[in-house]
């Protein structure tokens, strides 16, 4: 794989599915052309999950500046709007930034703008969590206004719940808010975007090997350390493999079963990412990785 020639004075946007090697490529870009690596992954923002979310190692962070990794409390809430607020001073600093991650909504919010939607009250969030746990996403999807229902990723329960919460809180559909989007912080024309494309079988093999390595190098220790504050409704609990390893540590699942379930969940997540990138980042240049 040869990384395309990049202008060292312009920001880089590097999106790709989980386990595709994004962090290593971002490191290579930073080491050869300079820059600060900025996290664009919604789960790597949380403290407590360095191994399980494949955050950069302390050694990597010592070699190249990294920002917005593990800076949110384990039991905290975080949104794409807050991420944009955290990104703005980094852009204002004048540093060359290399955004890397698999959360497509972060990239579109950065380059297309994001509507300023009022925050969800705790009681609405609790109601939404209860409904999702009891009935799944289908009833919430059915409650959405037609414009939002047509636009939303119907395979993503998190996005469906978010849209339902917005409608419940504001009385307006998410699509209506999005149609009043302010200018983006970083227009796509001012950046160098890349999407990693990986062969499905190659990526699935990488996913399986990476999860085995996570378990061998500290994921179980992280789970045990976080168990006293574990809350399945918390945003940090969405880290893939967390629920399965928690179940194992509690004696509810063998390690073999937990690893198999986590690998399956990760492969499903990667498939959703690839679909989303094709749909929403279809015009971005592609960089093929793997065989």
Protein backbone atom coordinates (compact mmCIF):
# COMPACT_ATOMS: atom_id res chain seq x y z
CA UNK A 1 0.00 0.00 0.00
CA UNK A 2 1.34 3.40 -1.01
CA UNK A 3 -0.01 6.47 0.75
CA UNK A 4 -0.87 9.22 -1.76
CA UNK A 5 1.27 12.35 -1.81
CA UNK A 6 -0.17 14.82 0.69
CA UNK A 7 0.30 18.55 1.09
CA UNK A 8 1.99 19.01 4.49
CA UNK A 9 0.28 22.36 4.96
CA UNK A 10 -3.28 21.03 4.71
CA UNK A 11 -5.38 19.03 7.18
CA UNK A 12 -6.00 15.33 6.53
CA UNK A 13 -9.23 13.37 7.04
CA UNK A 14 -8.68 9.61 7.35
CA UNK A 15 -11.82 7.50 7.73
CA UNK A 16 -12.12 3.73 7.66
CA UNK A 17 -13.72 0.68 9.23
CA UNK A 18 -12.54 -0.75 12.52
CA UNK A 19 -9.31 -2.80 12.40
CA UNK A 20 -8.33 -1.46 8.97
CA UNK A 21 -5.07 0.06 10.20
CA UNK A 22 -6.11 3.73 10.35
CA UNK A 23 -4.03 4.61 13.39
CA UNK A 24 -0.84 3.19 11.88
CA UNK A 25 -1.39 5.11 8.64
CA UNK A 26 -2.09 8.31 10.58
CA UNK A 27 1.17 7.78 12.47
CA UNK A 28 3.05 7.30 9.20
CA UNK A 29 1.57 10.49 7.76
CA UNK A 30 2.43 12.46 10.90
CA UNK A 31 5.98 11.14 11.08
CA UNK A 32 6.71 11.88 7.41
CA UNK A 33 4.83 15.16 6.85
CA UNK A 34 4.12 16.46 10.35
CA UNK A 35 0.90 17.12 12.20
CA UNK A 36 -1.21 16.41 15.26
CA UNK A 37 -3.43 13.30 15.22
CA UNK A 38 -7.01 14.03 16.30
CA UNK A 39 -9.41 11.28 17.32
CA UNK A 40 -12.58 10.93 15.26
CA UNK A 41 -13.90 7.80 16.97
CA UNK A 42 -16.87 8.14 19.33
CA UNK A 43 -15.69 5.39 21.70
CA UNK A 44 -11.99 6.22 21.92
CA UNK A 45 -12.93 9.48 23.68
CA UNK A 46 -13.74 7.61 26.92
CA UNK A 47 -11.28 7.01 29.71
CA UNK A 48 -10.94 3.41 30.85
CA UNK A 49 -10.97 1.64 27.48
CA UNK A 50 -7.49 2.07 26.00
CA UNK A 51 -7.04 -1.60 25.04
CA UNK A 52 -10.63 -2.51 24.21
CA UNK A 53 -11.14 0.46 21.86
CA UNK A 54 -7.65 0.14 20.30
CA UNK A 55 -6.57 3.61 21.33
CA UNK A 56 -3.00 4.63 20.43
CA UNK A 57 -0.39 3.29 22.81
CA UNK A 58 1.49 5.54 25.24
CA UNK A 59 4.55 5.00 23.04
CA UNK A 60 2.68 6.30 19.97
CA UNK A 61 1.41 9.28 21.93
CA UNK A 62 4.98 10.06 23.01
CA UNK A 63 6.17 10.07 19.38
CA UNK A 64 3.45 12.20 17.80
CA UNK A 65 0.96 14.64 19.40
CA UNK A 66 -2.48 13.06 19.87
CA UNK A 67 -5.64 14.90 20.92
CA UNK A 68 -9.16 13.95 22.11
CA UNK A 69 -8.33 10.41 23.21
CA UNK A 70 -9.62 9.20 26.58
CA UNK A 71 -10.51 12.73 27.72
CA UNK A 72 -14.16 12.01 28.65
CA UNK A 73 -14.96 10.39 32.03
CA UNK A 74 -15.95 6.73 31.84
CA UNK A 75 -19.46 7.53 33.06
CA UNK A 76 -19.79 10.75 31.06
CA UNK A 77 -21.93 11.69 28.09
CA UNK A 78 -20.47 12.94 24.83
CA UNK A 79 -21.94 14.08 21.55
CA UNK A 80 -20.81 15.05 18.08
CA UNK A 81 -21.62 18.64 19.02
CA UNK A 82 -19.24 18.48 21.97
CA UNK A 83 -16.61 16.90 19.72
CA UNK A 84 -16.89 19.85 17.34
CA UNK A 85 -16.52 22.25 20.26
CA UNK A 86 -13.37 20.38 21.31
CA UNK A 87 -12.04 20.43 17.75
CA UNK A 88 -12.51 24.18 17.18
CA UNK A 89 -9.59 25.39 19.35
CA UNK A 90 -7.36 22.80 17.69
CA UNK A 91 -8.24 24.23 14.28
CA UNK A 92 -7.83 27.78 15.60
CA UNK A 93 -4.33 26.92 16.85
CA UNK A 94 -3.00 26.79 13.30
CA UNK A 95 -1.59 23.27 13.70
CA UNK A 96 -1.84 20.83 10.83
CA UNK A 97 -4.38 18.22 11.98
CA UNK A 98 -4.78 14.58 10.93
CA UNK A 99 -8.28 13.45 11.82
CA UNK A 100 -8.55 9.68 12.06
CA UNK A 101 -11.43 7.43 13.08
CA UNK A 102 -14.39 5.34 12.13
CA UNK A 103 -17.29 7.53 13.29
CA UNK A 104 -18.62 8.82 10.00
CA UNK A 105 -20.92 11.36 11.63
CA UNK A 106 -17.90 13.15 13.09
CA UNK A 107 -16.47 13.63 9.61
CA UNK A 108 -19.70 14.83 8.04
CA UNK A 109 -20.38 17.20 10.95
CA UNK A 110 -16.86 18.60 10.61
CA UNK A 111 -17.04 19.11 6.84
CA UNK A 112 -20.76 19.79 6.33
CA UNK A 113 -21.79 21.43 9.61
CA UNK A 114 -24.05 20.35 12.46
CA UNK A 115 -27.36 21.76 13.65
CA UNK A 116 -27.36 23.27 17.15
CA UNK A 117 -29.94 20.98 18.75
CA UNK A 118 -30.88 21.50 22.42
CA UNK A 119 -29.53 18.82 24.76
CA UNK A 120 -31.68 15.85 25.70
CA UNK A 121 -33.07 16.08 29.27
CA UNK A 122 -32.12 13.16 31.52
CA UNK A 123 -35.73 12.04 31.86
CA UNK A 124 -36.14 11.78 28.07
CA UNK A 125 -32.86 9.86 27.80
CA UNK A 126 -34.05 7.47 30.53
CA UNK A 127 -37.37 6.97 28.75
CA UNK A 128 -35.55 6.30 25.47
CA UNK A 129 -33.14 3.85 27.10
CA UNK A 130 -36.05 1.97 28.66
CA UNK A 131 -37.97 1.78 25.37
CA UNK A 132 -34.91 0.62 23.45
CA UNK A 133 -34.13 -2.07 26.01
CA UNK A 134 -37.72 -3.31 26.08
CA UNK A 135 -38.75 -3.11 22.43
CA UNK A 136 -35.71 -2.41 20.28
CA UNK A 137 -35.46 0.34 17.63
CA UNK A 138 -38.51 -0.48 15.48
CA UNK A 139 -41.16 1.37 17.56
CA UNK A 140 -38.94 4.45 17.85
CA UNK A 141 -38.34 4.40 14.10
CA UNK A 142 -42.09 4.24 13.54
CA UNK A 143 -42.56 7.35 15.73
CA UNK A 144 -40.20 9.52 13.65
CA UNK A 145 -41.45 12.13 11.22
CA UNK A 146 -41.31 11.01 7.56
CA UNK A 147 -38.41 13.27 6.56
CA UNK A 148 -36.22 11.99 9.40
CA UNK A 149 -37.25 8.38 8.85
CA UNK A 150 -36.27 8.64 5.18
CA UNK A 151 -32.88 10.15 5.97
CA UNK A 152 -31.72 8.16 8.99
CA UNK A 153 -29.49 5.07 9.02
CA UNK A 154 -32.16 2.46 9.77
CA UNK A 155 -29.55 -0.15 10.71
CA UNK A 156 -28.11 1.97 13.53
CA UNK A 157 -30.13 1.83 16.79
CA UNK A 158 -28.01 4.60 18.33
CA UNK A 159 -28.94 7.03 15.56
CA UNK A 160 -32.61 6.01 15.73
CA UNK A 161 -32.70 6.62 19.47
CA UNK A 162 -30.96 9.97 19.04
CA UNK A 163 -33.53 11.06 16.44
CA UNK A 164 -36.38 9.97 18.69
CA UNK A 165 -34.91 11.88 21.64
CA UNK A 166 -34.61 15.05 19.54
CA UNK A 167 -38.22 14.79 18.39
CA UNK A 168 -39.43 14.05 21.91
CA UNK A 169 -37.44 16.93 23.40
CA UNK A 170 -38.00 19.67 20.82
CA UNK A 171 -41.22 18.73 19.06
CA UNK A 172 -39.32 18.92 15.77
CA UNK A 173 -37.84 16.17 13.66
CA UNK A 174 -34.09 15.74 13.39
CA UNK A 175 -34.28 16.39 9.64
CA UNK A 176 -35.79 19.82 10.30
CA UNK A 177 -32.91 20.71 12.60
CA UNK A 178 -30.38 19.41 10.10
CA UNK A 179 -31.85 21.60 7.38
CA UNK A 180 -30.81 24.65 9.45
CA UNK A 181 -27.20 23.54 9.67
CA UNK A 182 -24.58 26.30 10.16
CA UNK A 183 -21.37 26.47 8.07
CA UNK A 184 -18.84 23.67 8.69
CA UNK A 185 -15.70 24.13 10.76
CA UNK A 186 -13.59 22.53 8.01
CA UNK A 187 -15.10 22.56 4.51
CA UNK A 188 -14.17 19.45 2.59
CA UNK A 189 -12.50 21.54 -0.12
CA UNK A 190 -10.00 22.79 2.47
CA UNK A 191 -8.88 19.30 3.55
CA UNK A 192 -7.38 16.12 2.12
CA UNK A 193 -9.93 13.32 2.63
CA UNK A 194 -9.25 9.59 2.37
CA UNK A 195 -11.43 6.56 3.06
CA UNK A 196 -9.75 3.20 3.65
CA UNK A 197 -11.27 0.36 1.66
CA UNK A 198 -10.54 -3.18 2.78
CA UNK A 199 -11.30 -6.62 1.42
CA UNK A 200 -14.04 -8.09 3.62
CA UNK A 201 -12.32 -11.40 4.35
CA UNK A 202 -8.99 -9.68 5.06
CA UNK A 203 -10.72 -7.28 7.43
CA UNK A 204 -12.64 -10.04 9.20
CA UNK A 205 -9.39 -11.91 9.79
CA UNK A 206 -7.84 -8.73 11.18
CA UNK A 207 -10.83 -8.21 13.47
CA UNK A 208 -10.52 -11.73 14.88
CA UNK A 209 -6.76 -11.50 15.40
CA UNK A 210 -7.01 -8.06 16.95
CA UNK A 211 -9.61 -9.13 19.49
CA UNK A 212 -7.50 -12.11 20.50
CA UNK A 213 -4.57 -9.72 20.98
CA UNK A 214 -6.74 -7.35 23.03
CA UNK A 215 -7.69 -10.15 25.40
CA UNK A 216 -4.06 -11.22 25.69
CA UNK A 217 -2.76 -7.68 26.34
CA UNK A 218 -5.10 -6.25 28.93
CA UNK A 219 -8.75 -6.08 27.86
CA UNK A 220 -9.86 -8.39 30.67
CA UNK A 221 -7.92 -6.33 33.20
CA UNK A 222 -9.67 -3.20 31.91
CA UNK A 223 -13.04 -4.89 32.31
CA UNK A 224 -12.28 -5.95 35.87
CA UNK A 225 -11.07 -2.44 36.74
CA UNK A 226 -14.21 -0.85 35.28
CA UNK A 227 -16.68 -3.40 36.62
CA UNK A 228 -17.55 -1.45 39.83
CA UNK A 229 -18.74 1.48 37.70
CA UNK A 230 -20.15 -0.56 34.81
CA UNK A 231 -23.49 0.73 33.59
CA UNK A 232 -24.90 -0.92 30.44
CA UNK A 233 -26.86 2.28 29.68
CA UNK A 234 -23.74 4.48 29.65
CA UNK A 235 -22.29 5.58 26.34
CA UNK A 236 -18.92 4.03 27.19
CA UNK A 237 -20.66 0.63 27.50
CA UNK A 238 -21.10 0.67 23.71
CA UNK A 239 -17.44 -0.25 23.29
CA UNK A 240 -17.59 -3.41 21.21
CA UNK A 241 -16.70 -6.44 23.29
CA UNK A 242 -17.31 -4.69 26.60
CA UNK A 243 -20.67 -6.29 27.37
CA UNK A 244 -19.41 -9.72 26.33
CA UNK A 245 -16.28 -9.55 28.48
CA UNK A 246 -18.28 -8.19 31.41
CA UNK A 247 -20.57 -11.20 31.08
CA UNK A 248 -17.52 -13.48 31.11
CA UNK A 249 -15.99 -11.83 34.18
CA UNK A 250 -19.33 -12.21 35.96
CA UNK A 251 -19.41 -15.92 35.15
CA UNK A 252 -22.32 -15.61 32.73
CA UNK A 253 -20.38 -16.65 29.63
CA UNK A 254 -17.23 -18.64 28.92
CA UNK A 255 -14.26 -16.74 27.53
CA UNK A 256 -14.58 -18.67 24.27
CA UNK A 257 -18.24 -17.63 23.97
CA UNK A 258 -17.46 -14.02 24.88
CA UNK A 259 -14.70 -13.76 22.29
CA UNK A 260 -16.87 -15.31 19.57
CA UNK A 261 -19.76 -12.94 20.31
CA UNK A 262 -17.47 -9.91 20.41
CA UNK A 263 -15.84 -10.82 17.09
CA UNK A 264 -19.25 -11.24 15.47
CA UNK A 265 -20.39 -7.85 16.82
CA UNK A 266 -17.22 -6.22 15.53
CA UNK A 267 -17.65 -7.68 12.05
CA UNK A 268 -21.24 -6.46 11.98
CA UNK A 269 -20.10 -3.01 13.06
CA UNK A 270 -17.46 -2.92 10.32
CA UNK A 271 -20.11 -3.84 7.76
CA UNK A 272 -22.30 -0.92 8.93
CA UNK A 273 -19.31 1.41 8.71
CA UNK A 274 -18.49 0.36 5.15
CA UNK A 275 -22.12 0.85 4.12
CA UNK A 276 -22.21 4.29 5.74
CA UNK A 277 -18.96 5.38 4.09
CA UNK A 278 -20.25 4.31 0.67
CA UNK A 279 -23.47 6.23 1.23
CA UNK A 280 -22.23 9.42 2.89
CA UNK A 281 -18.57 9.66 1.89
CA UNK A 282 -19.03 8.35 -1.62
CA UNK A 283 -17.07 11.19 -3.25
CA UNK A 284 -14.02 10.87 -0.98
CA UNK A 285 -10.89 9.33 -2.57
CA UNK A 286 -10.30 5.69 -1.64
CA UNK A 287 -7.11 4.09 -0.33
CA UNK A 288 -7.14 0.29 -0.62
CA UNK A 289 -5.61 -1.68 2.25
CA UNK A 290 -5.09 -5.43 2.70
CA UNK A 291 -5.08 -8.04 -0.01
